[in-house]
Every structure is written in C-alpha cells, then in structure tokens.
C-alpha atoms as a PDB file:
ATOM      1  CA  MET A   1     -14.598  58.069  51.762  1.00  0.00           C
ATOM      2  CA  SER A   2     -15.757  54.902  50.085  1.00  0.00           C
ATOM      3  CA  PHE A   3     -17.870  54.015  47.054  1.00  0.00           C
ATOM      4  CA  GLU A   4     -21.033  51.953  46.871  1.00  0.00           C
ATOM      5  CA  ASP A   5     -19.814  49.929  43.888  1.00  0.00           C
ATOM      6  CA  ALA A   6     -16.518  49.110  42.194  1.00  0.00           C
ATOM      7  CA  ASP A   7     -17.466  50.616  38.805  1.00  0.00           C
ATOM      8  CA  LEU A   8     -18.260  53.982  40.367  1.00  0.00           C
ATOM      9  CA  ALA A   9     -14.991  53.910  42.328  1.00  0.00           C
ATOM     10  CA  ARG A  10     -12.985  53.013  39.227  1.00  0.00           C
ATOM     11  CA  THR A  11     -14.586  55.836  37.240  1.00  0.00           C
ATOM     12  CA  CYS A  12     -14.108  58.460  39.938  1.00  0.00           C
ATOM     13  CA  ARG A  13     -10.483  57.495  40.547  1.00  0.00           C
ATOM     14  CA  ASN A  14      -9.500  57.484  36.866  1.00  0.00           C
ATOM     15  CA  GLU A  15      -9.424  60.949  35.293  1.00  0.00           C
ATOM     16  CA  ARG A  16      -9.493  59.584  31.745  1.00  0.00           C
ATOM     17  CA  GLU A  17     -12.592  57.459  32.460  1.00  0.00           C
ATOM     18  CA  LEU A  18     -14.272  60.320  34.293  1.00  0.00           C
ATOM     19  CA  LEU A  19     -13.749  62.616  31.281  1.00  0.00           C
ATOM     20  CA  LYS A  20     -14.982  59.949  28.884  1.00  0.00           C
ATOM     21  CA  ARG A  21     -18.198  59.283  30.820  1.00  0.00           C
ATOM     22  CA  HIS A  22     -19.033  62.784  32.027  1.00  0.00           C
ATOM     23  CA  GLY A  23     -17.256  65.376  29.892  1.00  0.00           C
ATOM     24  CA  GLN A  24     -14.809  68.035  30.960  1.00  0.00           C
ATOM     25  CA  VAL A  25     -17.135  70.336  32.930  1.00  0.00           C
ATOM     26  CA  ARG A  26     -18.845  67.649  35.014  1.00  0.00           C
ATOM     27  CA  ALA A  27     -15.618  65.658  35.519  1.00  0.00           C
ATOM     28  CA  LYS A  28     -13.946  68.761  36.970  1.00  0.00           C
ATOM     29  CA  LYS A  29     -16.893  69.375  39.324  1.00  0.00           C
ATOM     30  CA  ILE A  30     -16.879  65.724  40.428  1.00  0.00           C
ATOM     31  CA  GLN A  31     -13.167  65.916  41.196  1.00  0.00           C
ATOM     32  CA  GLN A  32     -13.665  69.157  43.154  1.00  0.00           C
ATOM     33  CA  ARG A  33     -16.519  67.715  45.220  1.00  0.00           C
ATOM     34  CA  LEU A  34     -14.666  64.454  45.931  1.00  0.00           C
ATOM     35  CA  LYS A  35     -11.575  66.373  46.991  1.00  0.00           C
ATOM     36  CA  ALA A  36     -13.644  68.550  49.340  1.00  0.00           C
ATOM     37  CA  LEU A  37     -15.306  65.478  50.862  1.00  0.00           C
ATOM     38  CA  GLY A  38     -11.909  63.843  51.266  1.00  0.00           C
ATOM     39  CA  VAL A  39     -10.362  66.699  53.236  1.00  0.00           C
ATOM     40  CA  ALA A  40     -13.416  67.571  55.334  1.00  0.00           C
ATOM     41  CA  GLU A  41     -12.998  66.430  58.917  1.00  0.00           C
ATOM     42  CA  THR A  42     -16.761  66.156  59.332  1.00  0.00           C
ATOM     43  CA  LEU A  43     -19.746  66.692  57.103  1.00  0.00           C
ATOM     44  CA  ALA A  44     -20.335  70.023  58.860  1.00  0.00           C
ATOM     45  CA  ASP A  45     -17.253  71.373  57.042  1.00  0.00           C
ATOM     46  CA  MET A  46     -19.104  70.913  53.729  1.00  0.00           C
ATOM     47  CA  ARG A  47     -21.756  73.499  54.602  1.00  0.00           C
ATOM     48  CA  SER A  48     -19.399  76.400  53.904  1.00  0.00           C
ATOM     49  CA  LEU A  49     -17.955  75.003  50.663  1.00  0.00           C
ATOM     50  CA  PRO A  50     -19.290  75.320  47.097  1.00  0.00           C
ATOM     51  CA  GLY A  51     -21.713  72.654  45.926  1.00  0.00           C
ATOM     52  CA  ARG A  52     -24.756  73.305  48.119  1.00  0.00           C
ATOM     53  CA  CYS A  53     -24.378  70.225  50.281  1.00  0.00           C
ATOM     54  CA  HIS A  54     -27.817  69.266  51.532  1.00  0.00           C
ATOM     55  CA  GLU A  55     -29.905  66.414  52.886  1.00  0.00           C
ATOM     56  CA  LEU A  56     -32.459  64.799  50.611  1.00  0.00           C
ATOM     57  CA  ARG A  57     -36.034  63.904  51.519  1.00  0.00           C
ATOM     58  CA  GLY A  58     -38.742  61.524  50.430  1.00  0.00           C
ATOM     59  CA  ASP A  59     -37.544  58.291  48.858  1.00  0.00           C
ATOM     60  CA  ARG A  60     -33.945  59.524  49.180  1.00  0.00           C
ATOM     61  CA  ALA A  61     -34.127  60.341  52.901  1.00  0.00           C
ATOM     62  CA  GLY A  62     -30.807  59.560  54.582  1.00  0.00           C
ATOM     63  CA  GLU A  63     -28.845  60.585  51.498  1.00  0.00           C
ATOM     64  CA  LEU A  64     -27.091  63.857  50.746  1.00  0.00           C
ATOM     65  CA  SER A  65     -26.345  65.706  47.562  1.00  0.00           C
ATOM     66  CA  LEU A  66     -23.748  68.047  46.093  1.00  0.00           C
ATOM     67  CA  ASP A  67     -24.526  70.031  42.957  1.00  0.00           C
ATOM     68  CA  LEU A  68     -22.472  69.397  39.842  1.00  0.00           C
ATOM     69  CA  ASP A  69     -23.478  70.928  36.504  1.00  0.00           C
ATOM     70  CA  HIS A  70     -27.262  71.236  36.354  1.00  0.00           C
ATOM     71  CA  PRO A  71     -29.167  68.890  36.502  1.00  0.00           C
ATOM     72  CA  TYR A  72     -26.485  66.467  37.778  1.00  0.00           C
ATOM     73  CA  ARG A  73     -25.663  65.803  41.423  1.00  0.00           C
ATOM     74  CA  LEU A  74     -23.191  63.724  43.381  1.00  0.00           C
ATOM     75  CA  LEU A  75     -25.139  61.561  45.844  1.00  0.00           C
ATOM     76  CA  PHE A  76     -23.685  60.125  49.052  1.00  0.00           C
ATOM     77  CA  ARG A  77     -24.630  58.961  52.525  1.00  0.00           C
ATOM     78  CA  PRO A  78     -22.884  58.642  55.872  1.00  0.00           C
ATOM     79  CA  SER A  79     -20.740  55.477  55.910  1.00  0.00           C
ATOM     80  CA  VAL A  80     -21.978  54.662  59.410  1.00  0.00           C
ATOM     81  CA  LYS A  81     -25.568  55.309  60.437  1.00  0.00           C
ATOM     82  CA  PRO A  82     -25.248  58.310  62.764  1.00  0.00           C
ATOM     83  CA  ASP A  83     -27.347  59.040  65.817  1.00  0.00           C
ATOM     84  CA  PRO A  84     -30.034  61.662  65.189  1.00  0.00           C
ATOM     85  CA  GLY A  85     -29.023  65.228  65.863  1.00  0.00           C
ATOM     86  CA  PRO A  86     -30.962  68.004  67.522  1.00  0.00           C
ATOM     87  CA  GLY A  87     -34.499  68.092  66.153  1.00  0.00           C
ATOM     88  CA  GLY A  88     -34.209  64.540  64.809  1.00  0.00           C
ATOM     89  CA  GLY A  89     -32.250  65.398  61.654  1.00  0.00           C
ATOM     90  CA  LEU A  90     -28.732  64.362  60.691  1.00  0.00           C
ATOM     91  CA  ASP A  91     -26.049  65.522  63.124  1.00  0.00           C
ATOM     92  CA  TRP A  92     -23.519  66.733  60.551  1.00  0.00           C
ATOM     93  CA  VAL A  93     -20.766  67.171  63.148  1.00  0.00           C
ATOM     94  CA  THR A  94     -20.684  63.437  63.914  1.00  0.00           C
ATOM     95  CA  VAL A  95     -20.368  62.267  60.280  1.00  0.00           C
ATOM     96  CA  ALA A  96     -16.662  61.687  59.612  1.00  0.00           C
ATOM     97  CA  ALA A  97     -16.892  59.359  56.577  1.00  0.00           C
ATOM     98  CA  VAL A  98     -19.221  59.083  53.596  1.00  0.00           C
ATOM     99  CA  THR A  99     -20.027  56.537  50.907  1.00  0.00           C
ATOM    100  CA  ILE A 100     -20.487  57.826  47.359  1.00  0.00           C
ATOM    101  CA  ILE A 101     -23.699  56.410  45.901  1.00  0.00           C
ATOM    102  CA  GLY A 102     -23.754  57.831  42.410  1.00  0.00           C
ATOM    103  CA  ILE A 103     -23.788  60.661  39.907  1.00  0.00           C
ATOM    104  CA  VAL A 104     -27.367  61.244  38.833  1.00  0.00           C
ATOM    105  CA  ASP A 105     -29.442  63.400  36.502  1.00  0.00           C
ATOM    106  CA  THR A 106     -32.115  64.825  38.773  1.00  0.00           C
ATOM    107  CA  HIS A 107     -34.528  65.308  35.869  1.00  0.00           C
ATOM    108  CA  GLU A 108     -34.852  61.581  35.122  1.00  0.00           C
END
C-alpha cells in the first residue's frame, strides 16, 4: 500500500495527527480500513470485510471507496493499472497493491 502524497501518508501513519485532523471516530475507522487493506492479499479479500468496498463511477471511474463515518470515505486505486476483468470491469483478484488517494466528504 502506498499513498498519493506525502502529507496524506504522514497523517495516516501518525495516530496523533490522524486524531487531530479527523476526530476519534473517523480516525479509528481509517486505521481499521488501512489495516484491512494492508493484510488483504488481493482486493477481492476486501469484499467480505466491513466498509462496503466498491468501485466508483463517473468522474471517479477507476477509483474505489471504503466507507468511514458518513459522509466520509477512504478513496484508493490499484497501484498498477490492472487488465480488465470479466465483463470489462476491474478484476479484483489481480489487484495486489493499492494507492490511497484521500479521505473525502462525499457531500461536498
């Protein structure tokens, strides 16, 4: 797992900074989701875990999302552009590494 920018990486890797920026509830959810992503062998493993891992569409096509505390989500994408899966969508079984893009309020 990697991060799109250094500030995001620093925040996510520092519990004190994560609490300061996001509060206790969201910081805990972020840590849970990052831990799950870190131990998953492939993205397919995330389908059975909490967080409603799902592909995004429209202007965010190619990105994925995990729910945090509503309306916030953890956004990420495969670190390497994967080949299309059956039906043309993302082949979750072939995605072994992700890049964290951000923590966003989906109502903005």
